[in-house]
Amino acid sequence: MAYILFSLTFVTFLLCITLYYTRERWTYLVPIPDYIYHRLPSSFSNDIESGFSSNDFDLTANVVDGDSRAGLDQAAKREIQKIMKKRRISFDEARRVYTEQRFASHGIGADGRPKDPKFVSFS
């Protein structure tokens, strides 16, 4: 009996160690409820503090000009934040991935041209 208990404990210990060291490969598969995450910011200054700004997508001009709008789109911020956490990429890269996903869902190629075979362009 002691042999079975020892073996079960040892296997469980090895499994825990293996899961701990490989957590970067499988943690994105674990569903985490949305209420665990903090609320998204609702102004441009809070967007900047939360990391939704970069050299290529600069929001400081909006803050300096006293822009009274509510900030960036909440749904887009949520999706971009999920992409950033899931793939561990920067804001600019996550914004690019999000835009390409939106293009694909609307029938637009990654280069910005429609995928419609009937599309005719005169340039």
PDB file of N, CA and C in Angstrom:
ATOM      1  N   MET A   1       0.809  -1.186   0.000  1.00  0.00           N
ATOM      2  CA  MET A   1       0.000   0.000   0.000  1.00  0.00           C
ATOM      3  C   MET A   1       0.862   1.263   0.000  1.00  0.00           C
ATOM      4  N   ALA A   2       1.928   1.213   0.780  1.00  0.00           N
ATOM      5  CA  ALA A   2       2.821   2.365   0.851  1.00  0.00           C
ATOM      6  C   ALA A   2       3.496   2.608  -0.497  1.00  0.00           C
ATOM      7  N   TYR A   3       3.781   1.533  -1.230  1.00  0.00           N
ATOM      8  CA  TYR A   3       4.408   1.661  -2.551  1.00  0.00           C
ATOM      9  C   TYR A   3       3.489   2.402  -3.516  1.00  0.00           C
ATOM     10  N   ILE A   4       2.197   2.099  -3.496  1.00  0.00           N
ATOM     11  CA  ILE A   4       1.227   2.761  -4.391  1.00  0.00           C
ATOM     12  C   ILE A   4       1.084   4.237  -4.011  1.00  0.00           C
ATOM     13  N   LEU A   5       1.011   4.536  -2.740  1.00  0.00           N
ATOM     14  CA  LEU A   5       0.893   5.915  -2.274  1.00  0.00           C
ATOM     15  C   LEU A   5       2.136   6.716  -2.651  1.00  0.00           C
ATOM     16  N   PHE A   6       3.315   6.131  -2.447  1.00  0.00           N
ATOM     17  CA  PHE A   6       4.558   6.800  -2.823  1.00  0.00           C
ATOM     18  C   PHE A   6       4.614   7.040  -4.333  1.00  0.00           C
ATOM     19  N   SER A   7       4.242   6.039  -5.120  1.00  0.00           N
ATOM     20  CA  SER A   7       4.270   6.170  -6.580  1.00  0.00           C
ATOM     21  C   SER A   7       3.301   7.246  -7.052  1.00  0.00           C
ATOM     22  N   LEU A   8       2.105   7.266  -6.487  1.00  0.00           N
ATOM     23  CA  LEU A   8       1.111   8.264  -6.861  1.00  0.00           C
ATOM     24  C   LEU A   8       1.577   9.670  -6.488  1.00  0.00           C
ATOM     25  N   THR A   9       2.151   9.833  -5.338  1.00  0.00           N
ATOM     26  CA  THR A   9       2.681  11.125  -4.901  1.00  0.00           C
ATOM     27  C   THR A   9       3.824  11.573  -5.810  1.00  0.00           C
ATOM     28  N   PHE A  10       4.716  10.669  -6.144  1.00  0.00           N
ATOM     29  CA  PHE A  10       5.858  10.991  -7.002  1.00  0.00           C
ATOM     30  C   PHE A  10       5.410  11.392  -8.414  1.00  0.00           C
ATOM     31  N   VAL A  11       4.466  10.657  -8.979  1.00  0.00           N
ATOM     32  CA  VAL A  11       3.950  10.971 -10.313  1.00  0.00           C
ATOM     33  C   VAL A  11       3.236  12.330 -10.299  1.00  0.00           C
ATOM     34  N   THR A  12       2.459  12.593  -9.264  1.00  0.00           N
ATOM     35  CA  THR A  12       1.779  13.884  -9.137  1.00  0.00           C
ATOM     36  C   THR A  12       2.794  15.015  -9.028  1.00  0.00           C
ATOM     37  N   PHE A  13       3.835  14.815  -8.271  1.00  0.00           N
ATOM     38  CA  PHE A  13       4.888  15.821  -8.127  1.00  0.00           C
ATOM     39  C   PHE A  13       5.565  16.099  -9.475  1.00  0.00           C
ATOM     40  N   LEU A  14       5.896  15.046 -10.217  1.00  0.00           N
ATOM     41  CA  LEU A  14       6.517  15.213 -11.534  1.00  0.00           C
ATOM     42  C   LEU A  14       5.576  15.923 -12.509  1.00  0.00           C
ATOM     43  N   LEU A  15       4.303  15.598 -12.455  1.00  0.00           N
ATOM     44  CA  LEU A  15       3.324  16.239 -13.312  1.00  0.00           C
ATOM     45  C   LEU A  15       3.216  17.730 -13.004  1.00  0.00           C
ATOM     46  N   CYS A  16       3.197  18.067 -11.733  1.00  0.00           N
ATOM     47  CA  CYS A  16       3.140  19.483 -11.340  1.00  0.00           C
ATOM     48  C   CYS A  16       4.369  20.243 -11.810  1.00  0.00           C
ATOM     49  N   ILE A  17       5.529  19.674 -11.667  1.00  0.00           N
ATOM     50  CA  ILE A  17       6.761  20.320 -12.121  1.00  0.00           C
ATOM     51  C   ILE A  17       6.736  20.502 -13.632  1.00  0.00           C
ATOM     52  N   THR A  18       6.307  19.477 -14.353  1.00  0.00           N
ATOM     53  CA  THR A  18       6.239  19.568 -15.820  1.00  0.00           C
ATOM     54  C   THR A  18       5.248  20.636 -16.251  1.00  0.00           C
ATOM     55  N   LEU A  19       4.092  20.679 -15.625  1.00  0.00           N
ATOM     56  CA  LEU A  19       3.106  21.710 -15.967  1.00  0.00           C
ATOM     57  C   LEU A  19       3.624  23.110 -15.655  1.00  0.00           C
ATOM     58  N   TYR A  20       4.347  23.254 -14.548  1.00  0.00           N
ATOM     59  CA  TYR A  20       4.889  24.559 -14.192  1.00  0.00           C
ATOM     60  C   TYR A  20       5.900  25.052 -15.232  1.00  0.00           C
ATOM     61  N   TYR A  21       6.790  24.198 -15.660  1.00  0.00           N
ATOM     62  CA  TYR A  21       7.819  24.618 -16.611  1.00  0.00           C
ATOM     63  C   TYR A  21       7.306  24.760 -18.045  1.00  0.00           C
ATOM     64  N   THR A  22       6.180  24.169 -18.353  1.00  0.00           N
ATOM     65  CA  THR A  22       5.613  24.294 -19.707  1.00  0.00           C
ATOM     66  C   THR A  22       4.370  25.172 -19.724  1.00  0.00           C
ATOM     67  N   ARG A  23       4.155  25.975 -18.691  1.00  0.00           N
ATOM     68  CA  ARG A  23       2.928  26.761 -18.576  1.00  0.00           C
ATOM     69  C   ARG A  23       2.750  27.777 -19.704  1.00  0.00           C
ATOM     70  N   GLU A  24       3.827  28.239 -20.319  1.00  0.00           N
ATOM     71  CA  GLU A  24       3.718  29.200 -21.412  1.00  0.00           C
ATOM     72  C   GLU A  24       3.098  28.572 -22.661  1.00  0.00           C
ATOM     73  N   ARG A  25       3.167  27.276 -22.745  1.00  0.00           N
ATOM     74  CA  ARG A  25       2.619  26.580 -23.919  1.00  0.00           C
ATOM     75  C   ARG A  25       1.138  26.260 -23.781  1.00  0.00           C
ATOM     76  N   TRP A  26       0.608  26.172 -22.560  1.00  0.00           N
ATOM     77  CA  TRP A  26      -0.771  25.724 -22.399  1.00  0.00           C
ATOM     78  C   TRP A  26      -1.668  26.692 -21.644  1.00  0.00           C
ATOM     79  N   THR A  27      -1.142  27.743 -21.014  1.00  0.00           N
ATOM     80  CA  THR A  27      -1.996  28.616 -20.203  1.00  0.00           C
ATOM     81  C   THR A  27      -3.021  29.385 -21.033  1.00  0.00           C
ATOM     82  N   TYR A  28      -2.718  29.664 -22.294  1.00  0.00           N
ATOM     83  CA  TYR A  28      -3.694  30.393 -23.112  1.00  0.00           C
ATOM     84  C   TYR A  28      -4.917  29.531 -23.423  1.00  0.00           C
ATOM     85  N   LEU A  29      -4.822  28.228 -23.229  1.00  0.00           N
ATOM     86  CA  LEU A  29      -5.959  27.332 -23.460  1.00  0.00           C
ATOM     87  C   LEU A  29      -6.927  27.295 -22.281  1.00  0.00           C
ATOM     88  N   VAL A  30      -6.480  27.749 -21.112  1.00  0.00           N
ATOM     89  CA  VAL A  30      -7.319  27.728 -19.919  1.00  0.00           C
ATOM     90  C   VAL A  30      -8.264  28.926 -19.966  1.00  0.00           C
ATOM     91  N   PRO A  31      -9.566  28.687 -19.925  1.00  0.00           N
ATOM     92  CA  PRO A  31     -10.500  29.816 -19.958  1.00  0.00           C
ATOM     93  C   PRO A  31     -10.458  30.591 -18.651  1.00  0.00           C
ATOM     94  N   ILE A  32     -10.260  31.892 -18.762  1.00  0.00           N
ATOM     95  CA  ILE A  32     -10.225  32.757 -17.590  1.00  0.00           C
ATOM     96  C   ILE A  32     -11.398  33.722 -17.715  1.00  0.00           C
ATOM     97  N   PRO A  33     -12.252  33.815 -16.720  1.00  0.00           N
ATOM     98  CA  PRO A  33     -13.405  34.716 -16.809  1.00  0.00           C
ATOM     99  C   PRO A  33     -12.976  36.167 -16.987  1.00  0.00           C
ATOM    100  N   ASP A  34     -13.793  36.938 -17.695  1.00  0.00           N
ATOM    101  CA  ASP A  34     -13.465  38.334 -17.971  1.00  0.00           C
ATOM    102  C   ASP A  34     -13.477  39.206 -16.724  1.00  0.00           C
ATOM    103  N   TYR A  35     -14.246  38.830 -15.706  1.00  0.00           N
ATOM    104  CA  TYR A  35     -14.342  39.682 -14.529  1.00  0.00           C
ATOM    105  C   TYR A  35     -13.062  39.711 -13.714  1.00  0.00           C
ATOM    106  N   ILE A  36     -12.117  38.821 -13.992  1.00  0.00           N
ATOM    107  CA  ILE A  36     -10.841  38.825 -13.269  1.00  0.00           C
ATOM    108  C   ILE A  36      -9.977  40.004 -13.727  1.00  0.00           C
ATOM    109  N   TYR A  37     -10.090  40.369 -14.984  1.00  0.00           N
ATOM    110  CA  TYR A  37      -9.295  41.478 -15.501  1.00  0.00           C
ATOM    111  C   TYR A  37      -9.846  42.803 -15.001  1.00  0.00           C
ATOM    112  N   HIS A  38      -8.964  43.782 -14.898  1.00  0.00           N
ATOM    113  CA  HIS A  38      -9.379  45.108 -14.472  1.00  0.00           C
ATOM    114  C   HIS A  38     -10.158  45.803 -15.582  1.00  0.00           C
ATOM    115  N   ARG A  39     -10.896  46.809 -15.213  1.00  0.00           N
ATOM    116  CA  ARG A  39     -11.693  47.543 -16.186  1.00  0.00           C
ATOM    117  C   ARG A  39     -10.770  48.290 -17.142  1.00  0.00           C
ATOM    118  N   LEU A  40     -11.196  48.385 -18.371  1.00  0.00           N
ATOM    119  CA  LEU A  40     -10.413  49.108 -19.365  1.00  0.00           C
ATOM    120  C   LEU A  40     -10.564  50.606 -19.155  1.00  0.00           C
ATOM    121  N   PRO A  41      -9.528  51.384 -19.464  1.00  0.00           N
ATOM    122  CA  PRO A  41      -9.588  52.830 -19.267  1.00  0.00           C
ATOM    123  C   PRO A  41     -10.612  53.471 -20.196  1.00  0.00           C
ATOM    124  N   SER A  42     -11.123  54.637 -19.781  1.00  0.00           N
ATOM    125  CA  SER A  42     -12.165  55.285 -20.571  1.00  0.00           C
ATOM    126  C   SER A  42     -11.797  56.695 -21.015  1.00  0.00           C
ATOM    127  N   SER A  43     -10.520  57.036 -21.019  1.00  0.00           N
ATOM    128  CA  SER A  43     -10.083  58.328 -21.549  1.00  0.00           C
ATOM    129  C   SER A  43      -8.725  58.132 -22.227  1.00  0.00           C
ATOM    130  N   PHE A  44      -8.335  59.114 -23.028  1.00  0.00           N
ATOM    131  CA  PHE A  44      -7.070  58.993 -23.742  1.00  0.00           C
ATOM    132  C   PHE A  44      -5.883  58.954 -22.786  1.00  0.00           C
ATOM    133  N   SER A  45      -5.931  59.719 -21.715  1.00  0.00           N
ATOM    134  CA  SER A  45      -4.806  59.692 -20.763  1.00  0.00           C
ATOM    135  C   SER A  45      -4.715  58.335 -20.070  1.00  0.00           C
ATOM    136  N   ASN A  46      -5.853  57.733 -19.755  1.00  0.00           N
ATOM    137  CA  ASN A  46      -5.827  56.393 -19.163  1.00  0.00           C
ATOM    138  C   ASN A  46      -5.391  55.347 -20.185  1.00  0.00           C
ATOM    139  N   ASP A  47      -5.744  55.555 -21.461  1.00  0.00           N
ATOM    140  CA  ASP A  47      -5.296  54.641 -22.513  1.00  0.00           C
ATOM    141  C   ASP A  47      -3.773  54.654 -22.622  1.00  0.00           C
ATOM    142  N   ILE A  48      -3.186  55.831 -22.519  1.00  0.00           N
ATOM    143  CA  ILE A  48      -1.727  55.949 -22.588  1.00  0.00           C
ATOM    144  C   ILE A  48      -1.090  55.224 -21.401  1.00  0.00           C
ATOM    145  N   GLU A  49      -1.643  55.420 -20.207  1.00  0.00           N
ATOM    146  CA  GLU A  49      -1.103  54.774 -19.006  1.00  0.00           C
ATOM    147  C   GLU A  49      -1.231  53.252 -19.073  1.00  0.00           C
ATOM    148  N   SER A  50      -2.248  52.765 -19.773  1.00  0.00           N
ATOM    149  CA  SER A  50      -2.477  51.319 -19.862  1.00  0.00           C
ATOM    150  C   SER A  50      -1.690  50.658 -20.975  1.00  0.00           C
ATOM    151  N   GLY A  51      -0.929  51.435 -21.737  1.00  0.00           N
ATOM    152  CA  GLY A  51      -0.084  50.853 -22.770  1.00  0.00           C
ATOM    153  C   GLY A  51      -0.713  50.794 -24.139  1.00  0.00           C
ATOM    154  N   PHE A  52      -1.836  51.491 -24.348  1.00  0.00           N
ATOM    155  CA  PHE A  52      -2.483  51.505 -25.649  1.00  0.00           C
ATOM    156  C   PHE A  52      -1.990  52.674 -26.494  1.00  0.00           C
ATOM    157  N   SER A  53      -0.713  52.964 -26.420  1.00  0.00           N
ATOM    158  CA  SER A  53      -0.103  54.033 -27.204  1.00  0.00           C
ATOM    159  C   SER A  53       1.329  53.631 -27.524  1.00  0.00           C
ATOM    160  N   SER A  54       1.839  54.148 -28.630  1.00  0.00           N
ATOM    161  CA  SER A  54       3.221  53.863 -29.021  1.00  0.00           C
ATOM    162  C   SER A  54       3.717  55.016 -29.877  1.00  0.00           C
ATOM    163  N   ASN A  55       4.944  54.902 -30.377  1.00  0.00           N
ATOM    164  CA  ASN A  55       5.479  55.938 -31.254  1.00  0.00           C
ATOM    165  C   ASN A  55       4.686  56.042 -32.549  1.00  0.00           C
ATOM    166  N   ASP A  56       4.204  54.907 -33.052  1.00  0.00           N
ATOM    167  CA  ASP A  56       3.447  54.905 -34.296  1.00  0.00           C
ATOM    168  C   ASP A  56       1.979  55.265 -34.090  1.00  0.00           C
ATOM    169  N   PHE A  57       1.457  55.081 -32.899  1.00  0.00           N
ATOM    170  CA  PHE A  57       0.060  55.352 -32.579  1.00  0.00           C
ATOM    171  C   PHE A  57       0.056  56.216 -31.325  1.00  0.00           C
ATOM    172  N   ASP A  58       0.365  57.494 -31.501  1.00  0.00           N
ATOM    173  CA  ASP A  58       0.587  58.408 -30.386  1.00  0.00           C
ATOM    174  C   ASP A  58      -0.706  59.112 -29.994  1.00  0.00           C
ATOM    175  N   LEU A  59      -1.091  58.968 -28.732  1.00  0.00           N
ATOM    176  CA  LEU A  59      -2.307  59.596 -28.230  1.00  0.00           C
ATOM    177  C   LEU A  59      -2.036  60.869 -27.436  1.00  0.00           C
ATOM    178  N   THR A  60      -0.767  61.225 -27.272  1.00  0.00           N
ATOM    179  CA  THR A  60      -0.458  62.393 -26.442  1.00  0.00           C
ATOM    180  C   THR A  60      -1.014  63.681 -27.034  1.00  0.00           C
ATOM    181  N   ALA A  61      -1.117  63.777 -28.365  1.00  0.00           N
ATOM    182  CA  ALA A  61      -1.691  64.979 -28.980  1.00  0.00           C
ATOM    183  C   ALA A  61      -3.149  65.143 -28.572  1.00  0.00           C
ATOM    184  N   ASN A  62      -3.864  64.055 -28.421  1.00  0.00           N
ATOM    185  CA  ASN A  62      -5.265  64.127 -27.988  1.00  0.00           C
ATOM    186  C   ASN A  62      -5.367  64.649 -26.560  1.00  0.00           C
ATOM    187  N   VAL A  63      -4.438  64.226 -25.702  1.00  0.00           N
ATOM    188  CA  VAL A  63      -4.457  64.677 -24.315  1.00  0.00           C
ATOM    189  C   VAL A  63      -4.056  66.144 -24.239  1.00  0.00           C
ATOM    190  N   VAL A  64      -3.020  66.523 -24.988  1.00  0.00           N
ATOM    191  CA  VAL A  64      -2.536  67.906 -24.970  1.00  0.00           C
ATOM    192  C   VAL A  64      -3.612  68.857 -25.501  1.00  0.00           C
ATOM    193  N   ASP A  65      -4.337  68.443 -26.531  1.00  0.00           N
ATOM    194  CA  ASP A  65      -5.386  69.283 -27.105  1.00  0.00           C
ATOM    195  C   ASP A  65      -6.646  69.316 -26.252  1.00  0.00           C
ATOM    196  N   GLY A  66      -6.690  68.532 -25.193  1.00  0.00           N
ATOM    197  CA  GLY A  66      -7.856  68.516 -24.314  1.00  0.00           C
ATOM    198  C   GLY A  66      -9.053  67.821 -24.939  1.00  0.00           C
ATOM    199  N   ASP A  67      -8.802  66.789 -25.683  1.00  0.00           N
ATOM    200  CA  ASP A  67      -9.874  66.036 -26.347  1.00  0.00           C
ATOM    201  C   ASP A  67     -10.806  65.447 -25.288  1.00  0.00           C
ATOM    202  N   SER A  68     -12.092  65.744 -25.389  1.00  0.00           N
ATOM    203  CA  SER A  68     -13.052  65.311 -24.370  1.00  0.00           C
ATOM    204  C   SER A  68     -13.739  63.998 -24.714  1.00  0.00           C
ATOM    205  N   ARG A  69     -13.328  63.351 -25.794  1.00  0.00           N
ATOM    206  CA  ARG A  69     -13.959  62.075 -26.159  1.00  0.00           C
ATOM    207  C   ARG A  69     -13.606  61.004 -25.137  1.00  0.00           C
ATOM    208  N   ALA A  70     -14.298  59.897 -25.211  1.00  0.00           N
ATOM    209  CA  ALA A  70     -14.168  58.836 -24.204  1.00  0.00           C
ATOM    210  C   ALA A  70     -12.928  57.977 -24.383  1.00  0.00           C
ATOM    211  N   GLY A  71     -12.140  58.190 -25.383  1.00  0.00           N
ATOM    212  CA  GLY A  71     -10.954  57.369 -25.606  1.00  0.00           C
ATOM    213  C   GLY A  71     -11.172  56.396 -26.739  1.00  0.00           C
ATOM    214  N   LEU A  72     -10.353  55.375 -26.771  1.00  0.00           N
ATOM    215  CA  LEU A  72     -10.437  54.379 -27.832  1.00  0.00           C
ATOM    216  C   LEU A  72     -11.658  53.482 -27.642  1.00  0.00           C
ATOM    217  N   ASP A  73     -12.044  52.783 -28.696  1.00  0.00           N
ATOM    218  CA  ASP A  73     -13.192  51.880 -28.677  1.00  0.00           C
ATOM    219  C   ASP A  73     -12.974  50.757 -27.665  1.00  0.00           C
ATOM    220  N   GLN A  74     -13.954  50.554 -26.775  1.00  0.00           N
ATOM    221  CA  GLN A  74     -13.821  49.564 -25.705  1.00  0.00           C
ATOM    222  C   GLN A  74     -13.677  48.147 -26.245  1.00  0.00           C
ATOM    223  N   ALA A  75     -14.483  47.790 -27.242  1.00  0.00           N
ATOM    224  CA  ALA A  75     -14.422  46.428 -27.789  1.00  0.00           C
ATOM    225  C   ALA A  75     -13.081  46.174 -28.459  1.00  0.00           C
ATOM    226  N   ALA A  76     -12.579  47.158 -29.195  1.00  0.00           N
ATOM    227  CA  ALA A  76     -11.281  47.008 -29.866  1.00  0.00           C
ATOM    228  C   ALA A  76     -10.158  46.896 -28.836  1.00  0.00           C
ATOM    229  N   LYS A  77     -10.220  47.713 -27.779  1.00  0.00           N
ATOM    230  CA  LYS A  77      -9.194  47.635 -26.729  1.00  0.00           C
ATOM    231  C   LYS A  77      -9.198  46.261 -26.068  1.00  0.00           C
ATOM    232  N   ARG A  78     -10.381  45.730 -25.826  1.00  0.00           N
ATOM    233  CA  ARG A  78     -10.485  44.417 -25.189  1.00  0.00           C
ATOM    234  C   ARG A  78      -9.859  43.343 -26.073  1.00  0.00           C
ATOM    235  N   GLU A  79     -10.163  43.384 -27.374  1.00  0.00           N
ATOM    236  CA  GLU A  79      -9.600  42.397 -28.298  1.00  0.00           C
ATOM    237  C   GLU A  79      -8.084  42.553 -28.428  1.00  0.00           C
ATOM    238  N   ILE A  80      -7.609  43.789 -28.518  1.00  0.00           N
ATOM    239  CA  ILE A  80      -6.170  44.040 -28.639  1.00  0.00           C
ATOM    240  C   ILE A  80      -5.458  43.593 -27.368  1.00  0.00           C
ATOM    241  N   GLN A  81      -6.070  43.830 -26.222  1.00  0.00           N
ATOM    242  CA  GLN A  81      -5.457  43.393 -24.966  1.00  0.00           C
ATOM    243  C   GLN A  81      -5.385  41.873 -24.903  1.00  0.00           C
ATOM    244  N   LYS A  82      -6.425  41.184 -25.368  1.00  0.00           N
ATOM    245  CA  LYS A  82      -6.392  39.719 -25.396  1.00  0.00           C
ATOM    246  C   LYS A  82      -5.276  39.223 -26.311  1.00  0.00           C
ATOM    247  N   ILE A  83      -5.124  39.865 -27.469  1.00  0.00           N
ATOM    248  CA  ILE A  83      -4.067  39.468 -28.408  1.00  0.00           C
ATOM    249  C   ILE A  83      -2.696  39.695 -27.784  1.00  0.00           C
ATOM    250  N   MET A  84      -2.522  40.845 -27.124  1.00  0.00           N
ATOM    251  CA  MET A  84      -1.241  41.158 -26.492  1.00  0.00           C
ATOM    252  C   MET A  84      -0.892  40.129 -25.413  1.00  0.00           C
ATOM    253  N   LYS A  85      -1.875  39.731 -24.603  1.00  0.00           N
ATOM    254  CA  LYS A  85      -1.606  38.769 -23.528  1.00  0.00           C
ATOM    255  C   LYS A  85      -1.422  37.363 -24.065  1.00  0.00           C
ATOM    256  N   LYS A  86      -2.237  36.989 -25.045  1.00  0.00           N
ATOM    257  CA  LYS A  86      -2.196  35.626 -25.564  1.00  0.00           C
ATOM    258  C   LYS A  86      -0.911  35.358 -26.332  1.00  0.00           C
ATOM    259  N   ARG A  87      -0.526  36.284 -27.199  1.00  0.00           N
ATOM    260  CA  ARG A  87       0.649  36.079 -28.046  1.00  0.00           C
ATOM    261  C   ARG A  87       1.907  36.739 -27.508  1.00  0.00           C
ATOM    262  N   ARG A  88       1.757  37.517 -26.443  1.00  0.00           N
ATOM    263  CA  ARG A  88       2.884  38.248 -25.843  1.00  0.00           C
ATOM    264  C   ARG A  88       3.635  39.087 -26.873  1.00  0.00           C
ATOM    265  N   ILE A  89       2.883  39.990 -27.478  1.00  0.00           N
ATOM    266  CA  ILE A  89       3.445  40.876 -28.489  1.00  0.00           C
ATOM    267  C   ILE A  89       3.183  42.322 -28.091  1.00  0.00           C
ATOM    268  N   SER A  90       3.833  43.246 -28.768  1.00  0.00           N
ATOM    269  CA  SER A  90       3.709  44.661 -28.448  1.00  0.00           C
ATOM    270  C   SER A  90       2.358  45.207 -28.909  1.00  0.00           C
ATOM    271  N   PHE A  91       2.066  46.431 -28.499  1.00  0.00           N
ATOM    272  CA  PHE A  91       0.809  47.075 -28.863  1.00  0.00           C
ATOM    273  C   PHE A  91       0.689  47.241 -30.373  1.00  0.00           C
ATOM    274  N   ASP A  92       1.761  47.700 -31.022  1.00  0.00           N
ATOM    275  CA  ASP A  92       1.709  47.908 -32.476  1.00  0.00           C
ATOM    276  C   ASP A  92       1.457  46.601 -33.218  1.00  0.00           C
ATOM    277  N   GLU A  93       2.119  45.541 -32.801  1.00  0.00           N
ATOM    278  CA  GLU A  93       1.940  44.241 -33.456  1.00  0.00           C
ATOM    279  C   GLU A  93       0.525  43.705 -33.202  1.00  0.00           C
ATOM    280  N   ALA A  94       0.024  43.867 -31.989  1.00  0.00           N
ATOM    281  CA  ALA A  94      -1.336  43.421 -31.675  1.00  0.00           C
ATOM    282  C   ALA A  94      -2.367  44.220 -32.465  1.00  0.00           C
ATOM    283  N   ARG A  95      -2.116  45.514 -32.646  1.00  0.00           N
ATOM    284  CA  ARG A  95      -3.026  46.351 -33.438  1.00  0.00           C
ATOM    285  C   ARG A  95      -3.031  45.898 -34.898  1.00  0.00           C
ATOM    286  N   ARG A  96      -1.859  45.516 -35.419  1.00  0.00           N
ATOM    287  CA  ARG A  96      -1.774  45.013 -36.795  1.00  0.00           C
ATOM    288  C   ARG A  96      -2.536  43.706 -36.939  1.00  0.00           C
ATOM    289  N   VAL A  97      -2.350  42.787 -35.992  1.00  0.00           N
ATOM    290  CA  VAL A  97      -3.046  41.495 -36.027  1.00  0.00           C
ATOM    291  C   VAL A  97      -4.554  41.716 -35.940  1.00  0.00           C
ATOM    292  N   TYR A  98      -4.991  42.616 -35.065  1.00  0.00           N
ATOM    293  CA  TYR A  98      -6.414  42.914 -34.920  1.00  0.00           C
ATOM    294  C   TYR A  98      -6.993  43.479 -36.213  1.00  0.00           C
ATOM    295  N   THR A  99      -6.263  44.380 -36.837  1.00  0.00           N
ATOM    296  CA  THR A  99      -6.733  44.981 -38.094  1.00  0.00           C
ATOM    297  C   THR A  99      -6.818  43.938 -39.188  1.00  0.00           C
ATOM    298  N   GLU A 100      -5.840  43.060 -39.287  1.00  0.00           N
ATOM    299  CA  GLU A 100      -5.888  41.996 -40.303  1.00  0.00           C
ATOM    300  C   GLU A 100      -7.054  41.043 -40.052  1.00  0.00           C
ATOM    301  N   GLN A 101      -7.341  40.758 -38.779  1.00  0.00           N
ATOM    302  CA  GLN A 101      -8.491  39.908 -38.464  1.00  0.00           C
ATOM    303  C   GLN A 101      -9.793  40.586 -38.859  1.00  0.00           C
ATOM    304  N   ARG A 102      -9.894  41.887 -38.609  1.00  0.00           N
ATOM    305  CA  ARG A 102     -11.100  42.632 -39.009  1.00  0.00           C
ATOM    306  C   ARG A 102     -11.226  42.671 -40.522  1.00  0.00           C
ATOM    307  N   PHE A 103     -10.104  42.892 -41.221  1.00  0.00           N
ATOM    308  CA  PHE A 103     -10.124  42.880 -42.689  1.00  0.00           C
ATOM    309  C   PHE A 103     -10.630  41.532 -43.187  1.00  0.00           C
ATOM    310  N   ALA A 104     -10.092  40.442 -42.639  1.00  0.00           N
ATOM    311  CA  ALA A 104     -10.464  39.103 -43.090  1.00  0.00           C
ATOM    312  C   ALA A 104     -11.948  38.827 -42.847  1.00  0.00           C
ATOM    313  N   SER A 105     -12.473  39.302 -41.730  1.00  0.00           N
ATOM    314  CA  SER A 105     -13.890  39.061 -41.433  1.00  0.00           C
ATOM    315  C   SER A 105     -14.814  39.851 -42.349  1.00  0.00           C
ATOM    316  N   HIS A 106     -14.297  40.912 -42.961  1.00  0.00           N
ATOM    317  CA  HIS A 106     -15.096  41.729 -43.873  1.00  0.00           C
ATOM    318  C   HIS A 106     -14.751  41.484 -45.340  1.00  0.00           C
ATOM    319  N   GLY A 107     -13.976  40.443 -45.613  1.00  0.00           N
ATOM    320  CA  GLY A 107     -13.664  40.094 -46.993  1.00  0.00           C
ATOM    321  C   GLY A 107     -12.620  40.984 -47.641  1.00  0.00           C
ATOM    322  N   ILE A 108     -11.686  41.475 -46.844  1.00  0.00           N
ATOM    323  CA  ILE A 108     -10.614  42.336 -47.352  1.00  0.00           C
ATOM    324  C   ILE A 108      -9.296  41.634 -47.095  1.00  0.00           C
ATOM    325  N   GLY A 109      -8.407  41.633 -48.077  1.00  0.00           N
ATOM    326  CA  GLY A 109      -7.108  40.995 -47.928  1.00  0.00           C
ATOM    327  C   GLY A 109      -6.208  41.771 -46.996  1.00  0.00           C
ATOM    328  N   ALA A 110      -5.103  41.159 -46.588  1.00  0.00           N
ATOM    329  CA  ALA A 110      -4.157  41.810 -45.670  1.00  0.00           C
ATOM    330  C   ALA A 110      -3.518  43.045 -46.301  1.00  0.00           C
ATOM    331  N   ASP A 111      -3.486  43.090 -47.628  1.00  0.00           N
ATOM    332  CA  ASP A 111      -2.915  44.248 -48.322  1.00  0.00           C
ATOM    333  C   ASP A 111      -3.917  45.387 -48.477  1.00  0.00           C
ATOM    334  N   GLY A 112      -5.179  45.184 -48.059  1.00  0.00           N
ATOM    335  CA  GLY A 112      -6.180  46.242 -48.117  1.00  0.00           C
ATOM    336  C   GLY A 112      -7.088  46.185 -49.331  1.00  0.00           C
ATOM    337  N   ARG A 113      -6.858  45.241 -50.214  1.00  0.00           N
ATOM    338  CA  ARG A 113      -7.711  45.121 -51.400  1.00  0.00           C
ATOM    339  C   ARG A 113      -8.813  44.092 -51.145  1.00  0.00           C
ATOM    340  N   PRO A 114     -10.010  44.328 -51.673  1.00  0.00           N
ATOM    341  CA  PRO A 114     -11.108  43.368 -51.484  1.00  0.00           C
ATOM    342  C   PRO A 114     -10.783  42.018 -52.111  1.00  0.00           C
ATOM    343  N   LYS A 115     -11.310  40.961 -51.497  1.00  0.00           N
ATOM    344  CA  LYS A 115     -11.104  39.612 -52.015  1.00  0.00           C
ATOM    345  C   LYS A 115     -12.201  39.223 -53.005  1.00  0.00           C
ATOM    346  N   ASP A 116     -13.122  40.088 -53.257  1.00  0.00           N
ATOM    347  CA  ASP A 116     -14.224  39.822 -54.153  1.00  0.00           C
ATOM    348  C   ASP A 116     -13.699  39.605 -55.574  1.00  0.00           C
ATOM    349  N   PRO A 117     -14.017  38.453 -56.191  1.00  0.00           N
ATOM    350  CA  PRO A 117     -13.512  38.196 -57.554  1.00  0.00           C
ATOM    351  C   PRO A 117     -14.119  39.134 -58.594  1.00  0.00           C
ATOM    352  N   LYS A 118     -15.225  39.775 -58.265  1.00  0.00           N
ATOM    353  CA  LYS A 118     -15.868  40.701 -59.208  1.00  0.00           C
ATOM    354  C   LYS A 118     -15.314  42.118 -59.082  1.00  0.00           C
ATOM    355  N   PHE A 119     -14.429  42.341 -58.129  1.00  0.00           N
ATOM    356  CA  PHE A 119     -13.877  43.670 -57.917  1.00  0.00           C
ATOM    357  C   PHE A 119     -13.015  44.108 -59.076  1.00  0.00           C
ATOM    358  N   VAL A 120     -13.254  45.332 -59.552  1.00  0.00           N
ATOM    359  CA  VAL A 120     -12.475  45.906 -60.642  1.00  0.00           C
ATOM    360  C   VAL A 120     -11.912  47.227 -60.157  1.00  0.00           C
ATOM    361  N   SER A 121     -10.630  47.437 -60.348  1.00  0.00           N
ATOM    362  CA  SER A 121      -9.992  48.658 -59.914  1.00  0.00           C
ATOM    363  C   SER A 121      -9.303  49.332 -61.085  1.00  0.00           C
ATOM    364  N   PHE A 122      -9.534  50.619 -61.231  1.00  0.00           N
ATOM    365  CA  PHE A 122      -8.879  51.404 -62.272  1.00  0.00           C
ATOM    366  C   PHE A 122      -7.897  52.349 -61.594  1.00  0.00           C
ATOM    367  N   SER A 123      -6.628  52.223 -61.941  1.00  0.00           N
ATOM    368  CA  SER A 123      -5.669  53.141 -61.334  1.00  0.00           C
ATOM    369  C   SER A 123      -4.867  53.870 -62.367  1.00  0.00           C
TER     370      SER A 123
END
